[in-house]
Protein backbone atom coordinates (compact mmCIF):
# COMPACT_ATOMS: atom_id res chain seq x y z
CA MET A 1 102.76 108.26 -17.46
CA ALA A 2 99.29 109.83 -18.57
CA SER A 3 97.87 112.57 -17.06
CA ASN A 4 94.25 111.89 -17.67
CA TYR A 5 91.59 112.49 -14.93
CA LEU A 6 89.18 109.87 -13.73
CA THR A 7 85.36 110.41 -15.14
CA PRO A 8 82.62 111.59 -12.79
CA GLU A 9 81.62 107.97 -12.15
CA GLN A 10 84.63 106.54 -11.41
CA ASP A 11 85.49 109.47 -8.64
CA GLN A 12 82.41 108.52 -6.88
CA ARG A 13 83.23 105.36 -6.62
CA LEU A 14 86.59 105.98 -5.18
CA ARG A 15 84.57 108.87 -2.93
CA HIS A 16 82.40 106.18 -1.87
CA TRP A 17 85.33 103.57 -0.54
CA GLU A 18 87.01 106.61 1.02
CA THR A 19 84.32 107.20 3.21
CA TRP A 20 83.58 103.69 4.35
CA ASN A 21 87.14 103.27 4.90
CA ARG A 22 87.58 106.53 6.95
CA ASN A 23 84.22 105.79 8.66
CA TYR A 24 85.27 102.22 9.78
CA PHE A 25 88.81 103.33 10.61
CA ILE A 26 87.27 105.89 13.16
CA PHE A 27 84.94 103.52 14.67
CA ALA A 28 87.59 101.07 15.12
CA PHE A 29 89.78 103.41 16.52
CA PHE A 30 87.49 103.89 19.06
CA ALA A 31 86.07 100.88 19.26
CA LEU A 32 89.49 99.27 20.46
CA THR A 33 90.61 102.01 22.56
CA ALA A 34 87.05 101.62 24.78
CA VAL A 35 87.66 97.81 24.53
CA LEU A 36 91.35 98.17 25.93
CA ILE A 37 90.26 100.48 28.52
CA PHE A 38 87.45 98.50 29.37
CA SER A 39 88.68 94.71 29.21
CA SER A 40 89.35 93.93 32.75
CA GLN A 41 86.02 95.38 33.69
CA LEU A 42 84.21 93.45 30.95
CA GLY A 43 86.04 90.04 31.89
CA LEU A 44 87.28 90.04 28.26
CA SER A 45 91.35 89.67 29.48
CA SER A 46 93.02 88.44 33.27
CA GLU A 47 96.68 88.47 33.76
CA ASP A 48 96.52 84.35 32.22
CA SER A 49 94.46 84.10 29.18
CA TRP A 50 93.62 87.18 26.42
CA GLY A 51 91.65 84.96 24.36
CA PRO A 52 88.05 86.70 23.96
CA LEU A 53 89.84 90.03 23.79
CA GLY A 54 92.16 89.09 21.21
CA LEU A 55 89.17 87.73 19.46
CA ILE A 56 87.82 91.30 19.40
CA ILE A 57 90.80 93.12 18.50
CA ALA A 58 91.16 90.78 15.46
CA ALA A 59 87.45 91.32 14.49
CA LEU A 60 88.08 94.82 14.49
CA ILE A 61 91.00 94.60 12.44
CA ALA A 62 90.13 92.25 9.87
CA PRO A 63 87.63 94.83 7.88
CA ILE A 64 90.57 97.54 7.68
CA ILE A 65 92.70 94.90 6.11
CA PHE A 66 89.62 93.73 3.65
CA LEU A 67 89.24 97.66 2.46
CA GLN A 68 92.75 98.04 1.99
CA SER A 69 92.52 94.87 -0.37
CA VAL A 70 89.14 96.03 -2.06
CA LEU A 71 90.34 99.27 -3.64
CA SER A 72 91.66 99.05 -7.30
CA CYS A 73 92.22 101.87 -9.49
CA PRO A 74 88.83 102.79 -11.12
CA ALA A 75 90.86 103.75 -14.96
CA CYS A 76 92.64 99.96 -15.41
CA GLY A 77 91.09 97.91 -12.64
CA ARG A 78 94.70 97.07 -10.82
CA ARG A 79 94.56 96.62 -7.06
CA MET A 80 96.01 99.47 -4.72
CA GLY A 81 96.85 97.51 -1.96
CA TRP A 82 98.59 98.92 1.07
CA ARG A 83 99.77 102.50 -1.11
CA ALA A 84 96.24 103.42 -0.43
CA LYS A 85 96.41 104.23 3.55
CA LEU A 86 92.99 105.83 4.83
CA MET A 87 92.79 107.62 1.25
CA ALA A 88 93.34 106.62 -2.21
CA PRO A 89 96.66 107.94 -3.91
CA ASP A 90 96.47 110.85 -5.50
CA GLN A 91 97.83 108.78 -9.24
CA CYS A 92 97.83 105.15 -10.09
CA ARG A 93 100.98 104.26 -10.03
CA TYR A 94 100.17 101.63 -13.01
CA CYS A 95 98.02 103.63 -15.70
CA GLY A 96 98.88 106.97 -14.34
CA VAL A 97 95.33 108.16 -13.78
CA VAL A 98 94.75 111.13 -11.80
CA MET A 99 92.39 109.90 -8.95
CA ARG A 100 90.08 112.61 -9.31
CA SER A 101 87.38 114.21 -11.52
CA LYS A 102 88.61 116.97 -14.20
CA ASN A 103 85.64 118.66 -12.60
CA LYS A 104 87.00 118.48 -9.38
CA GLN A 105 90.57 119.22 -9.82
CA ASN A 106 90.70 122.57 -8.00
CA THR A 107 88.82 121.27 -4.76
């Protein structure tokens, strides 16, 4: 695999995705925690039905799935998918590009 680096523009796009992904994950974590803690007081769930609570949980989780599916390697354009987790992987498994700019390799 080649050991080339991203251009500064590609690196900036990747960091932008990481920022959105991380920030939404933090928001969703606290929102899900609050919804689950206060669901019975808010009337979202009962012993018989979890319908409204299920819709809220699905609405909070769906963007996480979307954000994971849109990440592609800035160099080759192939989808990273679930390999990315919260941050971009260190290297693209398809083209071998290092997922950072050469200028930022020591940070």
